PDB file of N, CA and C in Angstrom:
ATOM      1  N   MET A   1     -57.998 -13.436 -20.950  1.00  0.00           N
ATOM      2  CA  MET A   1     -57.858 -14.653 -21.741  1.00  0.00           C
ATOM      3  C   MET A   1     -56.647 -14.568 -22.661  1.00  0.00           C
ATOM      4  N   GLY A   2     -56.352 -13.369 -23.163  1.00  0.00           N
ATOM      5  CA  GLY A   2     -55.230 -13.209 -24.071  1.00  0.00           C
ATOM      6  C   GLY A   2     -53.897 -13.513 -23.407  1.00  0.00           C
ATOM      7  N   LYS A   3     -53.754 -13.100 -22.135  1.00  0.00           N
ATOM      8  CA  LYS A   3     -52.500 -13.377 -21.431  1.00  0.00           C
ATOM      9  C   LYS A   3     -52.332 -14.865 -21.167  1.00  0.00           C
ATOM     10  N   ALA A   4     -53.409 -15.532 -20.843  1.00  0.00           N
ATOM     11  CA  ALA A   4     -53.329 -16.965 -20.573  1.00  0.00           C
ATOM     12  C   ALA A   4     -52.935 -17.742 -21.831  1.00  0.00           C
ATOM     13  N   MET A   5     -53.491 -17.345 -22.952  1.00  0.00           N
ATOM     14  CA  MET A   5     -53.161 -18.034 -24.208  1.00  0.00           C
ATOM     15  C   MET A   5     -51.715 -17.778 -24.612  1.00  0.00           C
ATOM     16  N   SER A   6     -51.221 -16.574 -24.402  1.00  0.00           N
ATOM     17  CA  SER A   6     -49.837 -16.287 -24.766  1.00  0.00           C
ATOM     18  C   SER A   6     -48.864 -16.995 -23.820  1.00  0.00           C
ATOM     19  N   ILE A   7     -49.222 -17.090 -22.541  1.00  0.00           N
ATOM     20  CA  ILE A   7     -48.380 -17.843 -21.606  1.00  0.00           C
ATOM     21  C   ILE A   7     -48.373 -19.320 -21.975  1.00  0.00           C
ATOM     22  N   ALA A   8     -49.522 -19.854 -22.353  1.00  0.00           N
ATOM     23  CA  ALA A   8     -49.588 -21.255 -22.784  1.00  0.00           C
ATOM     24  C   ALA A   8     -48.743 -21.475 -24.030  1.00  0.00           C
ATOM     25  N   GLY A   9     -48.743 -20.522 -24.945  1.00  0.00           N
ATOM     26  CA  GLY A   9     -47.905 -20.635 -26.133  1.00  0.00           C
ATOM     27  C   GLY A   9     -46.429 -20.607 -25.799  1.00  0.00           C
ATOM     28  N   MET A  10     -46.051 -19.747 -24.860  1.00  0.00           N
ATOM     29  CA  MET A  10     -44.645 -19.688 -24.440  1.00  0.00           C
ATOM     30  C   MET A  10     -44.203 -20.993 -23.786  1.00  0.00           C
ATOM     31  N   VAL A  11     -45.028 -21.496 -22.889  1.00  0.00           N
ATOM     32  CA  VAL A  11     -44.685 -22.743 -22.190  1.00  0.00           C
ATOM     33  C   VAL A  11     -44.598 -23.905 -23.174  1.00  0.00           C
ATOM     34  N   THR A  12     -45.554 -23.991 -24.071  1.00  0.00           N
ATOM     35  CA  THR A  12     -45.543 -25.064 -25.068  1.00  0.00           C
ATOM     36  C   THR A  12     -44.317 -24.959 -25.963  1.00  0.00           C
ATOM     37  N   GLY A  13     -43.999 -23.753 -26.403  1.00  0.00           N
ATOM     38  CA  GLY A  13     -42.832 -23.564 -27.257  1.00  0.00           C
ATOM     39  C   GLY A  13     -41.541 -23.970 -26.581  1.00  0.00           C
ATOM     40  N   VAL A  14     -41.394 -23.589 -25.325  1.00  0.00           N
ATOM     41  CA  VAL A  14     -40.185 -23.948 -24.586  1.00  0.00           C
ATOM     42  C   VAL A  14     -40.099 -25.457 -24.389  1.00  0.00           C
ATOM     43  N   LEU A  15     -41.213 -26.086 -24.048  1.00  0.00           N
ATOM     44  CA  LEU A  15     -41.207 -27.542 -23.860  1.00  0.00           C
ATOM     45  C   LEU A  15     -40.868 -28.281 -25.152  1.00  0.00           C
ATOM     46  N   VAL A  16     -41.427 -27.831 -26.262  1.00  0.00           N
ATOM     47  CA  VAL A  16     -41.124 -28.460 -27.555  1.00  0.00           C
ATOM     48  C   VAL A  16     -39.660 -28.264 -27.909  1.00  0.00           C
ATOM     49  N   ALA A  17     -39.153 -27.051 -27.730  1.00  0.00           N
ATOM     50  CA  ALA A  17     -37.756 -26.778 -28.055  1.00  0.00           C
ATOM     51  C   ALA A  17     -36.811 -27.625 -27.203  1.00  0.00           C
ATOM     52  N   VAL A  18     -37.063 -27.690 -25.907  1.00  0.00           N
ATOM     53  CA  VAL A  18     -36.191 -28.465 -25.020  1.00  0.00           C
ATOM     54  C   VAL A  18     -36.263 -29.952 -25.343  1.00  0.00           C
ATOM     55  N   ALA A  19     -37.467 -30.458 -25.573  1.00  0.00           N
ATOM     56  CA  ALA A  19     -37.612 -31.888 -25.870  1.00  0.00           C
ATOM     57  C   ALA A  19     -36.873 -32.274 -27.143  1.00  0.00           C
ATOM     58  N   PHE A  20     -36.998 -31.459 -28.188  1.00  0.00           N
ATOM     59  CA  PHE A  20     -36.349 -31.829 -29.437  1.00  0.00           C
ATOM     60  C   PHE A  20     -34.854 -31.540 -29.437  1.00  0.00           C
ATOM     61  N   LEU A  21     -34.391 -30.564 -28.645  1.00  0.00           N
ATOM     62  CA  LEU A  21     -32.947 -30.387 -28.502  1.00  0.00           C
ATOM     63  C   LEU A  21     -32.335 -31.570 -27.761  1.00  0.00           C
ATOM     64  N   LEU A  22     -33.019 -32.025 -26.717  1.00  0.00           N
ATOM     65  CA  LEU A  22     -32.539 -33.221 -26.017  1.00  0.00           C
ATOM     66  C   LEU A  22     -32.515 -34.434 -26.936  1.00  0.00           C
ATOM     67  N   ASP A  23     -33.534 -34.552 -27.774  1.00  0.00           N
ATOM     68  CA  ASP A  23     -33.582 -35.674 -28.699  1.00  0.00           C
ATOM     69  C   ASP A  23     -32.490 -35.574 -29.754  1.00  0.00           C
ATOM     70  N   ALA A  24     -32.232 -34.363 -30.231  1.00  0.00           N
ATOM     71  CA  ALA A  24     -31.226 -34.195 -31.279  1.00  0.00           C
ATOM     72  C   ALA A  24     -29.827 -34.509 -30.759  1.00  0.00           C
ATOM     73  N   PHE A  25     -29.525 -34.089 -29.530  1.00  0.00           N
ATOM     74  CA  PHE A  25     -28.164 -34.234 -29.041  1.00  0.00           C
ATOM     75  C   PHE A  25     -27.947 -35.434 -28.129  1.00  0.00           C
ATOM     76  N   LEU A  26     -28.991 -35.860 -27.416  1.00  0.00           N
ATOM     77  CA  LEU A  26     -28.836 -36.975 -26.481  1.00  0.00           C
ATOM     78  C   LEU A  26     -29.659 -38.205 -26.861  1.00  0.00           C
ATOM     79  N   GLY A  27     -30.662 -38.019 -27.721  1.00  0.00           N
ATOM     80  CA  GLY A  27     -31.539 -39.129 -28.076  1.00  0.00           C
ATOM     81  C   GLY A  27     -32.451 -39.530 -26.937  1.00  0.00           C
ATOM     82  N   ALA A  28     -32.729 -38.589 -26.018  1.00  0.00           N
ATOM     83  CA  ALA A  28     -33.415 -38.936 -24.781  1.00  0.00           C
ATOM     84  C   ALA A  28     -34.906 -39.237 -24.934  1.00  0.00           C
ATOM     85  N   PRO A  29     -35.790 -38.269 -25.247  1.00  0.00           N
ATOM     86  CA  PRO A  29     -37.212 -38.589 -25.146  1.00  0.00           C
ATOM     87  C   PRO A  29     -37.745 -39.468 -26.275  1.00  0.00           C
ATOM     88  N   PHE A  30     -37.235 -39.316 -27.488  1.00  0.00           N
ATOM     89  CA  PHE A  30     -37.809 -40.032 -28.621  1.00  0.00           C
ATOM     90  C   PHE A  30     -36.863 -41.059 -29.223  1.00  0.00           C
ATOM     91  N   GLY A  31     -35.735 -41.279 -28.616  1.00  0.00           N
ATOM     92  CA  GLY A  31     -34.807 -42.281 -29.095  1.00  0.00           C
ATOM     93  C   GLY A  31     -33.971 -41.824 -30.277  1.00  0.00           C
ATOM     94  N   GLY A  32     -34.000 -40.568 -30.624  1.00  0.00           N
ATOM     95  CA  GLY A  32     -33.199 -40.048 -31.722  1.00  0.00           C
ATOM     96  C   GLY A  32     -33.588 -40.573 -33.083  1.00  0.00           C
ATOM     97  N   LYS A  33     -34.821 -41.033 -33.232  1.00  0.00           N
ATOM     98  CA  LYS A  33     -35.241 -41.665 -34.478  1.00  0.00           C
ATOM     99  C   LYS A  33     -35.412 -40.683 -35.629  1.00  0.00           C
ATOM    100  N   GLY A  34     -35.683 -39.410 -35.320  1.00  0.00           N
ATOM    101  CA  GLY A  34     -35.907 -38.430 -36.373  1.00  0.00           C
ATOM    102  C   GLY A  34     -34.629 -37.927 -37.012  1.00  0.00           C
ATOM    103  N   GLY A  35     -33.544 -37.998 -36.299  1.00  0.00           N
ATOM    104  CA  GLY A  35     -32.282 -37.496 -36.790  1.00  0.00           C
ATOM    105  C   GLY A  35     -31.990 -36.099 -36.269  1.00  0.00           C
ATOM    106  N   MET A  36     -30.768 -35.683 -36.500  1.00  0.00           N
ATOM    107  CA  MET A  36     -30.306 -34.394 -35.995  1.00  0.00           C
ATOM    108  C   MET A  36     -31.028 -33.232 -36.666  1.00  0.00           C
ATOM    109  N   LEU A  37     -31.199 -33.294 -37.975  1.00  0.00           N
ATOM    110  CA  LEU A  37     -31.815 -32.188 -38.704  1.00  0.00           C
ATOM    111  C   LEU A  37     -33.270 -31.971 -38.287  1.00  0.00           C
ATOM    112  N   VAL A  38     -33.997 -33.040 -38.113  1.00  0.00           N
ATOM    113  CA  VAL A  38     -35.399 -32.940 -37.700  1.00  0.00           C
ATOM    114  C   VAL A  38     -35.489 -32.385 -36.277  1.00  0.00           C
ATOM    115  N   GLY A  39     -34.621 -32.832 -35.393  1.00  0.00           N
ATOM    116  CA  GLY A  39     -34.624 -32.344 -34.025  1.00  0.00           C
ATOM    117  C   GLY A  39     -34.319 -30.865 -33.942  1.00  0.00           C
ATOM    118  N   ILE A  40     -33.337 -30.428 -34.698  1.00  0.00           N
ATOM    119  CA  ILE A  40     -32.991 -29.008 -34.694  1.00  0.00           C
ATOM    120  C   ILE A  40     -34.107 -28.189 -35.338  1.00  0.00           C
ATOM    121  N   GLY A  41     -34.712 -28.691 -36.392  1.00  0.00           N
ATOM    122  CA  GLY A  41     -35.813 -27.978 -37.038  1.00  0.00           C
ATOM    123  C   GLY A  41     -37.001 -27.793 -36.119  1.00  0.00           C
ATOM    124  N   PHE A  42     -37.375 -28.838 -35.405  1.00  0.00           N
ATOM    125  CA  PHE A  42     -38.490 -28.719 -34.463  1.00  0.00           C
ATOM    126  C   PHE A  42     -38.115 -27.851 -33.266  1.00  0.00           C
ATOM    127  N   ALA A  43     -36.850 -27.870 -32.848  1.00  0.00           N
ATOM    128  CA  ALA A  43     -36.417 -27.006 -31.755  1.00  0.00           C
ATOM    129  C   ALA A  43     -36.502 -25.541 -32.163  1.00  0.00           C
ATOM    130  N   ILE A  44     -36.120 -25.235 -33.391  1.00  0.00           N
ATOM    131  CA  ILE A  44     -36.246 -23.870 -33.888  1.00  0.00           C
ATOM    132  C   ILE A  44     -37.716 -23.473 -33.962  1.00  0.00           C
ATOM    133  N   SER A  45     -38.566 -24.387 -34.400  1.00  0.00           N
ATOM    134  CA  SER A  45     -40.004 -24.099 -34.453  1.00  0.00           C
ATOM    135  C   SER A  45     -40.564 -23.844 -33.056  1.00  0.00           C
ATOM    136  N   GLY A  46     -40.139 -24.612 -32.077  1.00  0.00           N
ATOM    137  CA  GLY A  46     -40.577 -24.391 -30.702  1.00  0.00           C
ATOM    138  C   GLY A  46     -40.097 -23.054 -30.167  1.00  0.00           C
ATOM    139  N   ALA A  47     -38.862 -22.683 -30.507  1.00  0.00           N
ATOM    140  CA  ALA A  47     -38.341 -21.389 -30.073  1.00  0.00           C
ATOM    141  C   ALA A  47     -39.115 -20.247 -30.733  1.00  0.00           C
ATOM    142  N   MET A  48     -39.487 -20.425 -31.985  1.00  0.00           N
ATOM    143  CA  MET A  48     -40.288 -19.411 -32.666  1.00  0.00           C
ATOM    144  C   MET A  48     -41.657 -19.279 -32.009  1.00  0.00           C
ATOM    145  N   LEU A  49     -42.265 -20.382 -31.640  1.00  0.00           N
ATOM    146  CA  LEU A  49     -43.558 -20.344 -30.951  1.00  0.00           C
ATOM    147  C   LEU A  49     -43.433 -19.635 -29.608  1.00  0.00           C
ATOM    148  N   ALA A  50     -42.358 -19.914 -28.874  1.00  0.00           N
ATOM    149  CA  ALA A  50     -42.145 -19.245 -27.592  1.00  0.00           C
ATOM    150  C   ALA A  50     -41.963 -17.746 -27.792  1.00  0.00           C
ATOM    151  N   TYR A  51     -41.224 -17.359 -28.824  1.00  0.00           N
ATOM    152  CA  TYR A  51     -41.043 -15.934 -29.092  1.00  0.00           C
ATOM    153  C   TYR A  51     -42.363 -15.258 -29.457  1.00  0.00           C
ATOM    154  N   LEU A  52     -43.150 -15.909 -30.291  1.00  0.00           N
ATOM    155  CA  LEU A  52     -44.434 -15.325 -30.672  1.00  0.00           C
ATOM    156  C   LEU A  52     -45.366 -15.189 -29.475  1.00  0.00           C
ATOM    157  N   GLY A  53     -45.339 -16.161 -28.567  1.00  0.00           N
ATOM    158  CA  GLY A  53     -46.131 -16.056 -27.343  1.00  0.00           C
ATOM    159  C   GLY A  53     -45.655 -14.915 -26.472  1.00  0.00           C
ATOM    160  N   TRP A  54     -44.334 -14.741 -26.361  1.00  0.00           N
ATOM    161  CA  TRP A  54     -43.782 -13.645 -25.576  1.00  0.00           C
ATOM    162  C   TRP A  54     -44.138 -12.294 -26.191  1.00  0.00           C
ATOM    163  N   ASN A  55     -44.046 -12.203 -27.505  1.00  0.00           N
ATOM    164  CA  ASN A  55     -44.384 -10.973 -28.204  1.00  0.00           C
ATOM    165  C   ASN A  55     -45.863 -10.618 -28.010  1.00  0.00           C
ATOM    166  N   ALA A  56     -46.726 -11.609 -28.104  1.00  0.00           N
ATOM    167  CA  ALA A  56     -48.157 -11.377 -27.883  1.00  0.00           C
ATOM    168  C   ALA A  56     -48.424 -11.011 -26.423  1.00  0.00           C
ATOM    169  N   PHE A  57     -47.687 -11.600 -25.496  1.00  0.00           N
ATOM    170  CA  PHE A  57     -47.859 -11.279 -24.081  1.00  0.00           C
ATOM    171  C   PHE A  57     -47.502  -9.822 -23.795  1.00  0.00           C
ATOM    172  N   ARG A  58     -46.452  -9.332 -24.434  1.00  0.00           N
ATOM    173  CA  ARG A  58     -46.063  -7.935 -24.237  1.00  0.00           C
ATOM    174  C   ARG A  58     -47.111  -6.963 -24.776  1.00  0.00           C
ATOM    175  N   GLU A  59     -47.829  -7.362 -25.821  1.00  0.00           N
ATOM    176  CA  GLU A  59     -48.795  -6.461 -26.454  1.00  0.00           C
ATOM    177  C   GLU A  59     -50.165  -6.455 -25.772  1.00  0.00           C
ATOM    178  N   THR A  60     -50.465  -7.455 -24.949  1.00  0.00           N
ATOM    179  CA  THR A  60     -51.748  -7.477 -24.262  1.00  0.00           C
ATOM    180  C   THR A  60     -51.739  -6.509 -23.095  1.00  0.00           C
ATOM    181  N   LYS A  61     -52.890  -5.942 -22.828  1.00  0.00           N
ATOM    182  CA  LYS A  61     -52.983  -4.974 -21.724  1.00  0.00           C
ATOM    183  C   LYS A  61     -54.021  -5.404 -20.719  1.00  0.00           C
TER     184      LYS A  61
END
């Protein structure tokens, strides 16, 4: 169960990061309504979530 949860965290983090980077630079999924700073902030948060999922995945046995 631990590996599945960490993989889900990695996938979610990557999807959030990609979606908000696209929004920040292209205005694609959300129409760019949040602005550049909000998009970059959420992209960093998504990348942090992906890293934490990867770190937890490495520690599970």
